[in-house]
N, C-alpha and C. Protein backbone atom coordinates (compact mmCIF):
# COMPACT_ATOMS: atom_id res chain seq x y z
N UNK A 1 8.50 -9.05 15.32
CA UNK A 1 8.51 -7.99 14.95
C UNK A 1 8.78 -6.51 16.34
N UNK A 2 8.94 -5.34 15.40
CA UNK A 2 9.27 -4.28 16.07
C UNK A 2 8.41 -3.78 16.20
N UNK A 3 8.30 -2.48 17.30
CA UNK A 3 6.73 -1.52 17.08
C UNK A 3 7.51 -0.35 18.05
N UNK A 4 7.15 0.63 18.13
CA UNK A 4 8.13 1.90 18.35
C UNK A 4 7.46 1.70 19.63
N UNK A 5 8.65 2.28 20.24
CA UNK A 5 8.68 2.24 22.19
C UNK A 5 7.80 3.33 22.51
N UNK A 6 7.96 4.93 21.91
CA UNK A 6 8.36 6.28 22.40
C UNK A 6 6.80 6.69 21.61
N UNK A 7 6.05 6.82 21.92
CA UNK A 7 4.54 7.48 21.04
C UNK A 7 5.01 9.00 21.10
N UNK A 8 6.09 8.97 19.63
CA UNK A 8 6.14 10.63 19.58
C UNK A 8 6.28 11.08 18.57
N UNK A 9 6.36 9.55 17.81
CA UNK A 9 6.39 10.21 15.87
C UNK A 9 4.68 10.50 15.36
N UNK A 10 5.01 11.83 14.91
CA UNK A 10 3.80 12.78 13.95
C UNK A 10 2.91 11.76 13.16
N UNK A 11 1.77 11.87 13.25
CA UNK A 11 0.80 10.69 11.95
C UNK A 11 1.76 10.81 10.58
N UNK A 12 1.80 9.62 10.42
CA UNK A 12 1.87 9.97 9.26
C UNK A 12 0.27 10.04 8.21
N UNK A 13 0.85 10.86 6.90
CA UNK A 13 -0.32 11.26 5.91
C UNK A 13 0.07 10.69 4.73
N UNK A 14 -0.50 9.74 4.15
CA UNK A 14 -0.05 9.45 2.84
C UNK A 14 -0.82 10.56 2.17
N UNK A 15 0.14 10.52 1.14
CA UNK A 15 0.22 11.24 0.17
C UNK A 15 0.08 10.50 -1.69
N UNK A 16 0.00 11.49 -3.08
CA UNK A 16 0.69 11.01 -4.14
C UNK A 16 2.43 11.66 -3.72
N UNK A 17 2.55 12.78 -3.21
CA UNK A 17 3.76 13.29 -3.59
C UNK A 17 4.70 12.35 -2.50
N UNK A 18 4.26 11.81 -1.44
CA UNK A 18 4.84 11.30 -0.20
C UNK A 18 5.56 9.75 -0.60
N UNK A 19 4.60 9.39 -1.69
CA UNK A 19 4.57 7.74 -1.77
C UNK A 19 6.00 7.91 -2.73
N UNK A 20 6.28 6.30 -2.93
CA UNK A 20 8.03 6.50 -3.27
C UNK A 20 7.53 5.40 -4.65
N UNK A 21 7.84 5.71 -5.80
CA UNK A 21 7.40 5.04 -6.68
C UNK A 21 8.01 3.67 -7.11
N UNK A 22 9.73 3.76 -6.88
CA UNK A 22 9.98 2.77 -7.33
C UNK A 22 9.90 2.36 -8.64
N UNK A 23 9.20 0.64 -9.03
CA UNK A 23 8.36 0.19 -10.28
C UNK A 23 7.45 0.74 -10.37
N UNK A 24 7.15 1.49 -10.06
CA UNK A 24 5.00 2.04 -10.14
C UNK A 24 5.00 3.38 -10.40
N UNK A 25 5.89 4.04 -11.25
CA UNK A 25 6.08 4.28 -11.75
C UNK A 25 4.74 5.33 -13.29
N UNK A 26 4.41 3.99 -13.60
CA UNK A 26 3.09 4.37 -14.62
C UNK A 26 1.94 4.24 -13.67
N UNK A 27 2.20 3.00 -12.73
CA UNK A 27 0.37 3.20 -11.94
C UNK A 27 0.37 4.82 -11.29
N UNK A 28 1.52 5.70 -10.67
CA UNK A 28 1.24 6.33 -10.20
C UNK A 28 1.02 7.61 -10.84
N UNK A 29 1.65 7.51 -11.91
CA UNK A 29 0.98 8.63 -13.53
C UNK A 29 -0.42 8.61 -13.78
N UNK A 30 -0.81 6.39 -14.08
CA UNK A 30 -2.01 6.44 -14.03
C UNK A 30 -3.37 7.02 -13.07
N UNK A 31 -2.80 6.83 -12.28
CA UNK A 31 -3.60 7.64 -10.75
C UNK A 31 -4.01 8.75 -10.58
N UNK A 32 -2.77 9.70 -11.45
CA UNK A 32 -2.83 11.05 -11.04
C UNK A 32 -3.71 12.02 -12.19
N UNK A 33 -3.34 10.83 -13.26
CA UNK A 33 -4.30 11.27 -14.49
C UNK A 33 -5.68 10.89 -14.40
N UNK A 34 -6.15 9.75 -13.99
CA UNK A 34 -7.52 9.45 -13.48
C UNK A 34 -8.60 10.56 -12.36
N UNK A 35 -7.45 10.76 -11.59
CA UNK A 35 -8.12 11.80 -10.85
C UNK A 35 -8.53 13.29 -11.37
N UNK A 36 -7.38 13.67 -12.40
CA UNK A 36 -8.04 15.21 -13.34
C UNK A 36 -8.63 14.97 -14.08
N UNK A 37 -9.05 13.79 -14.45
CA UNK A 37 -10.05 13.58 -15.71
C UNK A 37 -11.33 13.47 -15.24
N UNK A 38 -12.50 14.52 -15.93
CA UNK A 38 -13.77 14.31 -16.16
C UNK A 38 -14.07 12.82 -16.74
N UNK A 39 -13.64 12.50 -18.09
CA UNK A 39 -14.63 12.22 -18.47
C UNK A 39 -13.12 10.46 -18.78
N UNK A 40 -13.14 8.90 -19.09
CA UNK A 40 -12.39 8.29 -19.57
C UNK A 40 -12.46 7.08 -18.86
N UNK A 41 -11.11 6.65 -18.15
CA UNK A 41 -11.00 5.47 -17.63
C UNK A 41 -11.20 6.07 -16.19
N UNK A 42 -11.98 5.47 -15.07
CA UNK A 42 -11.80 6.27 -14.10
C UNK A 42 -12.06 4.65 -12.81
N UNK A 43 -11.80 3.63 -13.06
CA UNK A 43 -11.81 2.74 -12.54
C UNK A 43 -10.58 1.83 -12.65
N UNK A 44 -9.51 1.51 -11.13
CA UNK A 44 -8.98 1.25 -10.87
C UNK A 44 -8.52 0.46 -9.99
N UNK A 45 -7.97 -1.06 -9.80
CA UNK A 45 -7.21 -2.07 -9.59
C UNK A 45 -6.02 -2.34 -8.96
N UNK A 46 -5.84 -2.15 -7.62
CA UNK A 46 -4.82 -2.15 -7.27
C UNK A 46 -4.31 -3.59 -6.69
N UNK A 47 -3.18 -4.28 -7.13
CA UNK A 47 -3.19 -5.70 -6.62
C UNK A 47 -1.41 -5.55 -6.15
N UNK A 48 -1.22 -6.81 -4.46
CA UNK A 48 0.25 -7.26 -4.64
C UNK A 48 0.27 -7.54 -3.09
N UNK A 49 1.74 -7.75 -2.67
CA UNK A 49 1.78 -8.21 -1.30
C UNK A 49 1.77 -7.52 -0.15
N UNK A 50 1.27 -7.67 1.12
CA UNK A 50 1.25 -6.49 2.21
C UNK A 50 1.99 -5.67 2.43
N UNK A 51 2.17 -4.39 2.25
CA UNK A 51 2.82 -3.55 2.28
C UNK A 51 4.19 -2.91 1.20
N UNK A 52 3.62 -3.00 0.27
CA UNK A 52 3.95 -2.67 -1.05
C UNK A 52 3.13 -1.19 -1.55
N UNK A 53 2.19 -1.25 -0.72
CA UNK A 53 2.05 0.20 -0.91
C UNK A 53 0.19 0.86 -1.43
N UNK A 54 -0.43 -0.03 -1.78
CA UNK A 54 -1.43 -0.31 -1.81
C UNK A 54 -2.61 0.80 -1.02
N UNK A 55 -2.64 0.51 0.09
CA UNK A 55 -3.22 1.57 1.16
C UNK A 55 -2.81 3.13 1.00
N UNK A 56 -1.95 2.84 0.87
CA UNK A 56 -0.93 4.45 0.55
C UNK A 56 -1.44 5.27 -0.59
N UNK A 57 -1.75 4.43 -1.42
CA UNK A 57 -2.19 5.27 -2.98
C UNK A 57 -3.67 5.63 -2.95
N UNK A 58 -4.27 4.45 -2.44
CA UNK A 58 -6.09 4.55 -2.33
C UNK A 58 -6.12 6.10 -0.92
N UNK A 59 -5.19 6.25 0.06
CA UNK A 59 -6.17 7.05 1.26
C UNK A 59 -5.21 8.54 0.38
N UNK A 60 -4.07 8.51 -0.24
CA UNK A 60 -3.80 9.47 -0.49
C UNK A 60 -5.07 10.03 -2.25
N UNK A 61 -5.03 9.17 -2.86
CA UNK A 61 -6.48 9.64 -3.85
C UNK A 61 -7.51 10.21 -3.26
N UNK A 62 -7.94 9.49 -2.21
CA UNK A 62 -9.35 9.96 -1.44
C UNK A 62 -8.94 11.48 -1.15
N UNK A 63 -7.43 11.46 -0.47
CA UNK A 63 -6.90 13.03 0.41
C UNK A 63 -7.04 13.94 -0.93
N UNK A 64 -6.21 13.58 -2.41
CA UNK A 64 -6.26 14.26 -3.19
C UNK A 64 -7.34 15.46 -3.99
N UNK A 65 -8.74 14.05 -3.92
CA UNK A 65 -9.99 14.28 -4.50
C UNK A 65 -10.50 15.76 -3.64
N UNK A 66 -10.41 14.78 -2.06
CA UNK A 66 -10.83 15.66 -1.22
C UNK A 66 -10.27 17.48 -1.36
N UNK A 67 -8.86 17.44 -1.07
CA UNK A 67 -7.98 19.03 -1.80
C UNK A 67 -9.17 19.35 -2.79
N UNK A 68 -9.27 18.23 -3.34
CA UNK A 68 -9.75 19.09 -4.86
C UNK A 68 -11.22 19.76 -4.64
N UNK A 69 -11.99 19.62 -3.66
CA UNK A 69 -12.97 19.97 -3.06
C UNK A 69 -14.28 18.65 -3.89
N UNK A 70 -14.14 17.66 -4.02
CA UNK A 70 -14.58 16.49 -4.33
C UNK A 70 -15.14 15.87 -3.43
N UNK A 71 -15.97 14.82 -3.37
CA UNK A 71 -16.32 14.27 -2.04
C UNK A 71 -15.72 12.77 -2.51
N UNK A 72 -14.98 12.30 -1.40
CA UNK A 72 -14.98 11.15 -1.11
C UNK A 72 -14.03 10.33 -0.40
N UNK A 73 -14.21 8.86 -0.54
CA UNK A 73 -14.52 8.03 0.75
C UNK A 73 -13.58 6.52 0.94
N UNK A 74 -12.87 6.40 1.92
CA UNK A 74 -11.88 5.20 1.75
C UNK A 74 -12.61 4.75 3.17
N UNK A 75 -12.06 2.98 2.67
CA UNK A 75 -12.70 2.08 3.30
C UNK A 75 -12.24 1.03 3.36
N UNK A 76 -11.70 -0.07 4.29
CA UNK A 76 -11.05 -1.12 4.77
C UNK A 76 -12.26 -2.18 4.88
N UNK A 77 -11.84 -3.27 3.84
CA UNK A 77 -13.04 -4.12 3.65
C UNK A 77 -13.95 -4.30 4.28
N UNK A 78 -14.14 -2.81 3.58
CA UNK A 78 -15.92 -2.36 3.59
C UNK A 78 -16.20 -1.79 2.87
N UNK A 79 -17.54 -1.48 2.36
CA UNK A 79 -17.98 -0.73 1.52
C UNK A 79 -18.59 0.73 1.90
N UNK A 80 -17.89 1.86 1.70
CA UNK A 80 -18.25 3.27 2.19
C UNK A 80 -19.62 3.87 1.36
N UNK A 81 -20.20 4.62 2.06
CA UNK A 81 -21.63 5.37 1.54
C UNK A 81 -20.90 5.89 -0.59
N UNK A 82 -21.77 6.32 -1.23
CA UNK A 82 -21.48 6.69 -2.18
C UNK A 82 -21.07 8.02 -2.29
N UNK A 83 -19.61 8.28 -3.11
CA UNK A 83 -18.85 9.99 -3.42
C UNK A 83 -18.80 9.83 -4.54
N UNK A 84 -18.21 10.78 -4.97
CA UNK A 84 -17.49 10.95 -6.44
C UNK A 84 -16.12 10.29 -6.49
N UNK A 85 -15.85 10.11 -5.30
CA UNK A 85 -14.44 9.00 -5.58
C UNK A 85 -14.63 8.02 -4.34
N UNK A 86 -14.20 7.31 -4.32
CA UNK A 86 -14.51 6.12 -3.64
C UNK A 86 -13.31 4.81 -3.92
N UNK A 87 -13.07 4.50 -1.98
CA UNK A 87 -11.76 3.27 -2.62
C UNK A 87 -12.29 2.26 -1.69
N UNK A 88 -11.68 1.13 -1.80
CA UNK A 88 -12.33 0.38 -1.18
C UNK A 88 -10.95 -0.92 -1.18
N UNK A 89 -10.60 -0.65 0.19
CA UNK A 89 -9.00 -1.70 0.23
C UNK A 89 -9.58 -2.71 0.65
N UNK A 90 -8.38 -3.64 0.69
CA UNK A 90 -8.63 -5.29 1.18
C UNK A 90 -9.95 -5.56 0.47
N UNK A 91 -10.59 -5.81 -1.32
CA UNK A 91 -11.62 -6.29 -1.71
C UNK A 91 -11.89 -7.60 -0.86
N UNK A 92 -10.52 -8.27 -0.39
CA UNK A 92 -11.05 -9.74 -0.53
C UNK A 92 -11.31 -10.24 0.79
N UNK A 93 -11.68 -9.34 1.17
CA UNK A 93 -12.12 -9.34 2.71
C UNK A 93 -13.87 -8.80 2.95
N UNK A 94 -14.33 -8.69 2.00
CA UNK A 94 -15.41 -8.64 1.79
C UNK A 94 -16.52 -9.25 2.26
N UNK A 95 -17.84 -9.55 2.54
CA UNK A 95 -18.36 -10.82 2.94
C UNK A 95 -20.08 -10.50 1.50
N UNK A 96 -20.35 -11.32 1.82
CA UNK A 96 -21.90 -11.26 0.25
C UNK A 96 -22.28 -10.30 0.23
N UNK A 97 -22.69 -9.75 1.93
CA UNK A 97 -23.82 -8.40 1.49
C UNK A 97 -22.83 -7.46 1.08
N UNK A 98 -22.03 -6.96 1.53
CA UNK A 98 -20.67 -5.91 1.15
C UNK A 98 -20.32 -6.19 -0.71
N UNK A 99 -20.32 -7.28 -0.76
CA UNK A 99 -20.11 -7.35 -2.48
C UNK A 99 -20.81 -7.10 -3.40
N UNK A 100 -22.29 -7.44 -2.98
CA UNK A 100 -23.40 -6.69 -3.50
C UNK A 100 -23.38 -5.23 -3.25
N UNK A 101 -23.59 -5.03 -2.42
CA UNK A 101 -23.16 -3.49 -1.90
C UNK A 101 -21.66 -2.69 -2.94
N UNK A 102 -21.09 -3.18 -3.28
CA UNK A 102 -20.19 -2.56 -4.14
C UNK A 102 -19.67 -3.16 -5.81
N UNK A 103 -20.79 -3.87 -5.87
CA UNK A 103 -21.40 -4.30 -7.42
C UNK A 103 -22.54 -3.21 -7.70
N UNK A 104 -23.32 -2.91 -6.82
CA UNK A 104 -24.49 -1.56 -6.82
C UNK A 104 -23.53 -0.63 -7.01
N UNK A 105 -21.91 -0.18 -6.29
CA UNK A 105 -22.00 0.87 -6.06
C UNK A 105 -20.83 1.04 -7.44
N UNK A 106 -20.16 0.31 -8.26
CA UNK A 106 -19.89 -0.43 -9.08
C UNK A 106 -20.53 0.59 -10.32
N UNK A 107 -21.45 0.01 -10.33
CA UNK A 107 -22.36 0.32 -11.28
C UNK A 107 -22.85 1.57 -11.15
N UNK A 108 -23.08 2.32 -10.41
CA UNK A 108 -24.02 3.47 -9.92
C UNK A 108 -22.33 4.80 -10.52
N UNK A 109 -21.28 4.38 -9.74
CA UNK A 109 -20.64 5.17 -10.66
C UNK A 109 -19.62 5.58 -11.59
N UNK A 110 -20.58 3.95 -12.11
CA UNK A 110 -19.60 4.13 -14.22
C UNK A 110 -20.77 4.86 -14.79
N UNK A 111 -22.41 4.79 -14.50
CA UNK A 111 -23.21 5.63 -14.40
C UNK A 111 -23.42 7.18 -14.75
N UNK A 112 -22.62 7.44 -13.42
CA UNK A 112 -22.50 8.77 -13.03
C UNK A 112 -20.80 9.35 -13.23
N UNK A 113 -20.14 8.43 -13.50
CA UNK A 113 -18.84 9.40 -13.92
C UNK A 113 -17.87 9.41 -12.74
N UNK A 114 -18.01 8.76 -11.32
CA UNK A 114 -17.33 8.47 -10.51
C UNK A 114 -16.47 7.71 -10.57
N UNK A 115 -15.25 7.90 -9.50
CA UNK A 115 -14.07 6.69 -9.54
C UNK A 115 -14.19 6.23 -8.58
N UNK A 116 -13.63 4.62 -8.86
CA UNK A 116 -13.74 3.71 -8.01
C UNK A 116 -12.35 2.88 -8.02
N UNK A 117 -11.99 3.35 -7.03
CA UNK A 117 -10.57 2.45 -6.08
C UNK A 117 -10.45 1.34 -5.60
N UNK A 118 -10.09 0.45 -6.25
CA UNK A 118 -10.25 -1.05 -5.19
C UNK A 118 -8.81 -1.81 -5.32
N UNK A 119 -8.37 -2.31 -3.98
CA UNK A 119 -7.41 -2.96 -3.78
C UNK A 119 -7.15 -3.96 -3.57
N UNK A 120 -6.20 -5.47 -3.92
CA UNK A 120 -6.51 -6.51 -3.12
C UNK A 120 -5.42 -7.11 -3.43
N UNK A 121 -5.48 -8.32 -2.59
CA UNK A 121 -3.70 -9.13 -2.57
C UNK A 121 -4.07 -10.18 -3.94
N UNK A 122 -4.04 -10.05 -4.83
CA UNK A 122 -4.32 -10.72 -5.78
C UNK A 122 -5.07 -10.14 -7.36
N UNK A 123 -4.66 -10.93 -8.05
CA UNK A 123 -5.17 -9.83 -9.72
C UNK A 123 -6.46 -9.95 -9.48
N UNK A 124 -7.17 -9.68 -10.34
CA UNK A 124 -9.00 -9.70 -10.01
C UNK A 124 -9.52 -11.35 -10.47
N UNK A 125 -9.05 -12.10 -11.85
CA UNK A 125 -9.17 -13.19 -11.84
C UNK A 125 -9.15 -14.61 -10.94
N UNK A 126 -8.38 -14.04 -10.11
CA UNK A 126 -8.07 -15.20 -9.04
C UNK A 126 -8.87 -14.69 -7.47
N UNK A 127 -9.21 -14.15 -7.51
CA UNK A 127 -10.13 -13.33 -6.73
C UNK A 127 -11.34 -14.31 -6.07
N UNK A 128 -11.43 -14.62 -5.06
CA UNK A 128 -12.72 -15.01 -4.26
C UNK A 128 -13.44 -14.42 -3.74
N UNK A 129 -14.50 -13.84 -5.30
CA UNK A 129 -15.80 -13.03 -4.80
C UNK A 129 -16.35 -13.42 -6.13
N UNK A 130 -17.92 -12.83 -5.86
CA UNK A 130 -19.08 -13.42 -6.48
C UNK A 130 -18.37 -13.48 -8.43
N UNK A 131 -19.07 -13.61 -9.36
CA UNK A 131 -18.33 -13.96 -10.73
C UNK A 131 -18.72 -12.67 -11.19
N UNK A 132 -19.93 -11.51 -10.83
CA UNK A 132 -20.41 -10.39 -11.74
C UNK A 132 -19.09 -9.55 -11.00
N UNK A 133 -18.35 -9.70 -9.57
CA UNK A 133 -18.11 -8.38 -9.35
C UNK A 133 -16.60 -8.72 -9.33
N UNK A 134 -16.22 -10.09 -9.49
CA UNK A 134 -14.55 -9.87 -10.15
C UNK A 134 -14.44 -9.75 -11.66
N UNK A 135 -15.53 -10.14 -12.13
CA UNK A 135 -15.85 -9.64 -14.05
C UNK A 135 -15.04 -7.43 -13.77
N UNK A 136 -16.32 -7.49 -13.21
CA UNK A 136 -16.32 -5.96 -13.25
C UNK A 136 -14.81 -5.12 -13.00
N UNK A 137 -14.61 -5.91 -11.72
CA UNK A 137 -12.90 -5.24 -11.12
C UNK A 137 -11.99 -5.39 -11.99
N UNK A 138 -12.39 -6.28 -13.18
CA UNK A 138 -10.97 -6.70 -14.47
C UNK A 138 -11.41 -5.82 -15.60
N UNK A 139 -12.41 -4.95 -15.67
CA UNK A 139 -12.72 -4.47 -16.40
C UNK A 139 -11.90 -2.86 -16.62
N UNK A 140 -11.34 -2.40 -15.92
CA UNK A 140 -10.67 -0.95 -15.73
C UNK A 140 -9.44 -0.99 -15.98
N UNK A 141 -9.01 0.00 -15.15
CA UNK A 141 -7.53 -0.56 -15.07
C UNK A 141 -7.31 -1.34 -14.67
N UNK A 142 -5.92 -2.06 -14.25
CA UNK A 142 -5.59 -3.19 -13.06
C UNK A 142 -4.20 -3.06 -13.02
N UNK A 143 -3.11 -2.77 -12.09
CA UNK A 143 -2.07 -2.78 -11.99
C UNK A 143 -1.28 -3.17 -10.66
N UNK A 144 -0.04 -3.98 -11.11
CA UNK A 144 -0.05 -4.55 -9.67
C UNK A 144 1.11 -3.81 -9.11
N UNK A 145 1.11 -3.05 -7.66
CA UNK A 145 1.93 -2.81 -6.50
C UNK A 145 2.85 -3.41 -6.48
N UNK A 146 4.08 -2.57 -7.04
CA UNK A 146 5.69 -3.33 -6.80
C UNK A 146 6.53 -3.21 -5.67
N UNK A 147 6.59 -3.79 -4.64
CA UNK A 147 7.00 -3.58 -3.56
C UNK A 147 8.20 -3.23 -3.98
N UNK A 148 8.92 -1.71 -2.82
CA UNK A 148 10.21 -1.32 -3.08
C UNK A 148 11.31 -2.27 -2.20
N UNK A 149 12.41 -2.29 -3.80
CA UNK A 149 13.71 -3.18 -2.59
C UNK A 149 14.54 -3.01 -1.78
N UNK A 150 15.49 -3.32 -0.80
CA UNK A 150 15.85 -2.46 0.12
C UNK A 150 16.45 -1.39 -0.50
N UNK A 151 17.26 -1.18 -1.09
CA UNK A 151 17.95 0.26 -1.73
C UNK A 151 16.86 0.98 -2.48
N UNK A 152 15.93 1.04 -2.55
CA UNK A 152 14.85 1.73 -2.77
C UNK A 152 14.41 2.48 -1.41
N UNK A 153 13.82 1.89 -0.52
CA UNK A 153 13.84 2.41 0.51
C UNK A 153 15.14 2.92 1.50
N UNK A 154 16.38 2.72 1.94
CA UNK A 154 17.15 3.11 2.16
C UNK A 154 17.39 4.75 1.41
N UNK A 155 17.29 4.78 0.00
CA UNK A 155 16.88 5.71 -0.33
C UNK A 155 15.90 6.91 0.21
N UNK A 156 14.23 6.06 -0.53
CA UNK A 156 13.65 6.62 0.99
C UNK A 156 13.31 7.32 1.52
N UNK A 157 13.91 6.60 2.62
CA UNK A 157 14.61 6.73 4.08
C UNK A 157 15.57 8.45 4.19
N UNK A 158 16.64 8.04 3.38
CA UNK A 158 17.70 9.27 3.19
C UNK A 158 17.15 11.06 2.83
N UNK A 159 16.15 9.88 1.47
CA UNK A 159 14.98 11.48 1.18
C UNK A 159 14.41 12.31 2.67
N UNK A 160 13.89 11.46 3.10
CA UNK A 160 12.93 11.88 4.33
C UNK A 160 13.99 12.33 5.38
N UNK A 161 14.57 12.01 5.51
CA UNK A 161 15.69 12.77 6.48
C UNK A 161 16.22 13.70 6.89
N UNK A 162 16.46 13.92 5.08
CA UNK A 162 16.82 14.94 4.82
C UNK A 162 15.67 16.19 4.72
N UNK A 163 14.92 15.95 4.02
CA UNK A 163 13.09 16.69 4.94
C UNK A 163 13.00 16.78 5.63
N UNK A 164 13.35 16.05 6.65
CA UNK A 164 13.13 16.57 8.40
C UNK A 164 14.37 17.67 9.21
N UNK A 165 15.85 17.28 7.83
CA UNK A 165 16.54 18.47 8.30
C UNK A 165 17.80 17.73 9.44
N UNK A 166 17.86 16.14 9.11
CA UNK A 166 18.76 15.71 9.67
C UNK A 166 19.59 14.64 9.36
N UNK A 167 21.24 14.32 9.32
CA UNK A 167 21.71 13.29 8.65
C UNK A 167 21.73 11.98 9.28
N UNK A 168 21.32 11.30 8.32
CA UNK A 168 20.92 10.16 8.68
C UNK A 168 22.15 9.07 8.18
N UNK A 169 23.15 8.41 9.36
CA UNK A 169 24.26 7.80 9.16
C UNK A 169 24.15 6.03 8.19
N UNK A 170 24.83 5.82 7.35
CA UNK A 170 24.65 4.55 6.79
C UNK A 170 23.83 3.02 7.93
N UNK A 171 25.17 2.95 8.98
CA UNK A 171 24.45 2.11 9.69
C UNK A 171 23.30 2.00 10.22
N UNK A 172 22.78 3.00 10.90
CA UNK A 172 21.22 3.55 11.20
C UNK A 172 20.40 3.17 10.06
N UNK A 173 20.30 3.15 8.88
CA UNK A 173 19.99 2.63 7.43
C UNK A 173 19.13 1.27 7.57
N UNK A 174 20.72 0.77 8.10
CA UNK A 174 21.22 -0.62 7.42
C UNK A 174 20.34 -1.57 8.85
N UNK A 175 20.76 -0.46 10.11
CA UNK A 175 19.93 -1.43 11.08
C UNK A 175 18.66 -1.45 11.35
N UNK A 176 17.71 -0.29 10.61
CA UNK A 176 16.51 -0.28 10.97
C UNK A 176 15.86 -1.47 9.80
N UNK A 177 16.84 -1.15 8.55
CA UNK A 177 15.52 -2.67 7.67
C UNK A 177 15.65 -3.70 7.64
N UNK A 178 16.77 -3.75 8.34
CA UNK A 178 16.58 -5.74 9.39
C UNK A 178 16.53 -5.69 10.20
N UNK A 179 15.98 -4.57 11.15
CA UNK A 179 15.02 -5.16 12.42
C UNK A 179 13.75 -4.68 12.35
N UNK A 180 13.49 -3.68 11.74
CA UNK A 180 11.98 -2.61 11.73
C UNK A 180 10.95 -3.29 11.06
N UNK A 181 10.06 -2.99 10.56
CA UNK A 181 8.96 -3.52 9.69
C UNK A 181 9.42 -2.80 8.26
N UNK A 182 8.40 -3.99 7.88
CA UNK A 182 8.93 -4.12 6.27
C UNK A 182 8.48 -2.43 5.53
N UNK A 183 6.98 -2.44 5.99
CA UNK A 183 6.65 -1.61 5.07
C UNK A 183 7.11 -0.15 5.29
N UNK A 184 7.01 0.65 3.85
CA UNK A 184 7.58 1.73 4.29
C UNK A 184 6.94 3.09 5.46
N UNK A 185 5.58 2.81 5.36
CA UNK A 185 4.93 3.76 6.43
C UNK A 185 5.44 3.38 7.71
N UNK A 186 5.95 1.87 8.27
CA UNK A 186 6.29 2.13 9.34
C UNK A 186 7.45 2.62 9.52
N UNK A 187 8.49 2.24 8.41
CA UNK A 187 9.58 2.52 9.00
C UNK A 187 10.15 4.27 8.72
N UNK A 188 9.44 4.91 7.96
CA UNK A 188 9.40 6.48 8.13
C UNK A 188 8.78 7.02 9.39
N UNK A 189 7.85 6.15 10.29
CA UNK A 189 7.40 6.57 11.85
C UNK A 189 8.40 6.28 12.29
N UNK A 190 9.30 5.31 12.35
CA UNK A 190 10.13 5.17 13.29
C UNK A 190 11.38 6.01 13.29
N UNK A 191 11.62 6.44 11.89
CA UNK A 191 12.49 6.83 11.30
C UNK A 191 12.03 8.62 12.13
N UNK A 192 11.25 8.89 11.86
CA UNK A 192 10.31 10.11 13.09
C UNK A 192 10.72 10.17 14.45
N UNK A 193 10.11 9.11 14.80
CA UNK A 193 10.32 8.51 16.62
C UNK A 193 11.83 8.97 16.89
N UNK A 194 12.82 7.97 15.79
CA UNK A 194 14.31 8.99 15.66
C UNK A 194 14.35 10.29 16.20
N UNK A 195 14.12 10.89 15.13
CA UNK A 195 14.47 12.24 14.99
C UNK A 195 14.13 13.28 16.35
N UNK A 196 12.85 12.99 16.41
CA UNK A 196 12.19 13.57 17.84
C UNK A 196 13.17 12.90 19.20
N UNK A 197 13.72 11.63 19.17
CA UNK A 197 14.49 11.17 20.48
C UNK A 197 15.79 12.46 20.58
N UNK A 198 15.79 12.09 19.25
CA UNK A 198 17.94 12.86 18.81
C UNK A 198 17.68 14.53 19.30
N UNK A 199 16.54 15.08 18.66
CA UNK A 199 16.35 16.55 19.31
C UNK A 199 16.03 16.76 20.98
N UNK A 200 15.61 15.72 21.71
CA UNK A 200 14.91 15.79 22.65
C UNK A 200 16.64 15.47 23.75
N UNK A 201 17.29 14.96 23.17
CA UNK A 201 18.41 14.27 23.76
C UNK A 201 19.80 15.36 23.00
N UNK A 202 19.24 15.97 22.26
CA UNK A 202 20.71 17.07 21.68
C UNK A 202 21.38 16.33 21.72
N UNK A 203 21.63 15.01 20.35
CA UNK A 203 22.36 13.88 19.82
C UNK A 203 22.48 14.19 18.64
N UNK A 204 23.05 13.66 18.03
CA UNK A 204 23.22 13.27 16.61
C UNK A 204 22.48 11.52 16.23
N UNK A 205 22.33 11.35 15.33
CA UNK A 205 20.84 9.70 15.39
C UNK A 205 22.75 8.78 15.22
N UNK A 206 22.01 7.34 16.16
CA UNK A 206 22.98 6.68 15.97
C UNK A 206 22.39 5.20 16.39
N UNK A 207 22.77 4.24 16.07
CA UNK A 207 22.15 2.91 16.33
C UNK A 207 21.53 2.78 18.07
N UNK A 208 22.44 2.86 19.02
CA UNK A 208 21.86 2.99 20.42
C UNK A 208 21.04 3.61 20.29
N UNK A 209 20.53 4.85 19.84
CA UNK A 209 19.47 5.70 20.10
C UNK A 209 18.47 4.99 19.43
N UNK A 210 18.09 4.92 17.92
CA UNK A 210 17.50 3.74 17.69
C UNK A 210 16.66 2.48 18.23
N UNK A 211 17.98 1.71 18.75
CA UNK A 211 16.99 1.12 19.84
C UNK A 211 16.60 1.30 20.42
N UNK A 212 16.92 2.39 21.01
CA UNK A 212 15.94 3.07 22.67
C UNK A 212 14.42 2.77 22.07
N UNK A 213 14.47 3.74 20.73
CA UNK A 213 13.32 4.19 20.35
C UNK A 213 12.85 2.64 20.07
N UNK A 214 12.76 1.90 19.04
CA UNK A 214 12.66 0.62 18.92
C UNK A 214 12.91 -0.66 20.29
N UNK A 215 12.16 -1.51 20.17
CA UNK A 215 12.16 -3.04 20.96
C UNK A 215 11.83 -4.15 20.39
N UNK A 216 12.28 -5.27 20.68
CA UNK A 216 11.79 -6.05 19.76
C UNK A 216 10.58 -6.96 20.15
């Protein structure tokens, strides 16, 4: 697995706008609608493989809610304090006490009209959790988050490069997809580091420069 060699990549901030939907257009629309709604379905469970974008969506939803002036909290493999919008990532890693806490939080948010977003690696029915919690997670909207294809990742990289104002040669994209980490945030962070490296050296993006930014 490759990693950034130069500590020059800007912080990646997940938003709903920079999430590349791919086959997740319906999911993204449902999430936006749920965040905007005052009533109706306010519970979403997202499942999919690692790197598919679940964490991006949960963090983006919390950021979106905060920008709208709502109290919102995110936690990975833990249960945060109650807020108007609560996101719990990697629910399958919760211990017994945390599962009890999430069950109580679910009921509280449902009664008070809050919103609960939860993610896991499997659909609710297959989670190794308490029966009552597993059942509750399946009551709301359930979506599988589909990972992007290489072609979709290549398009996302091209768009990201254009937004930063530099040309991305096809051979650079190909090398990055073959040798970089598979999740899109890591790929984009590597691309940002390449851009900073090129600006510092006053050279155009190339595979040799990309190799300097990455190490095996």
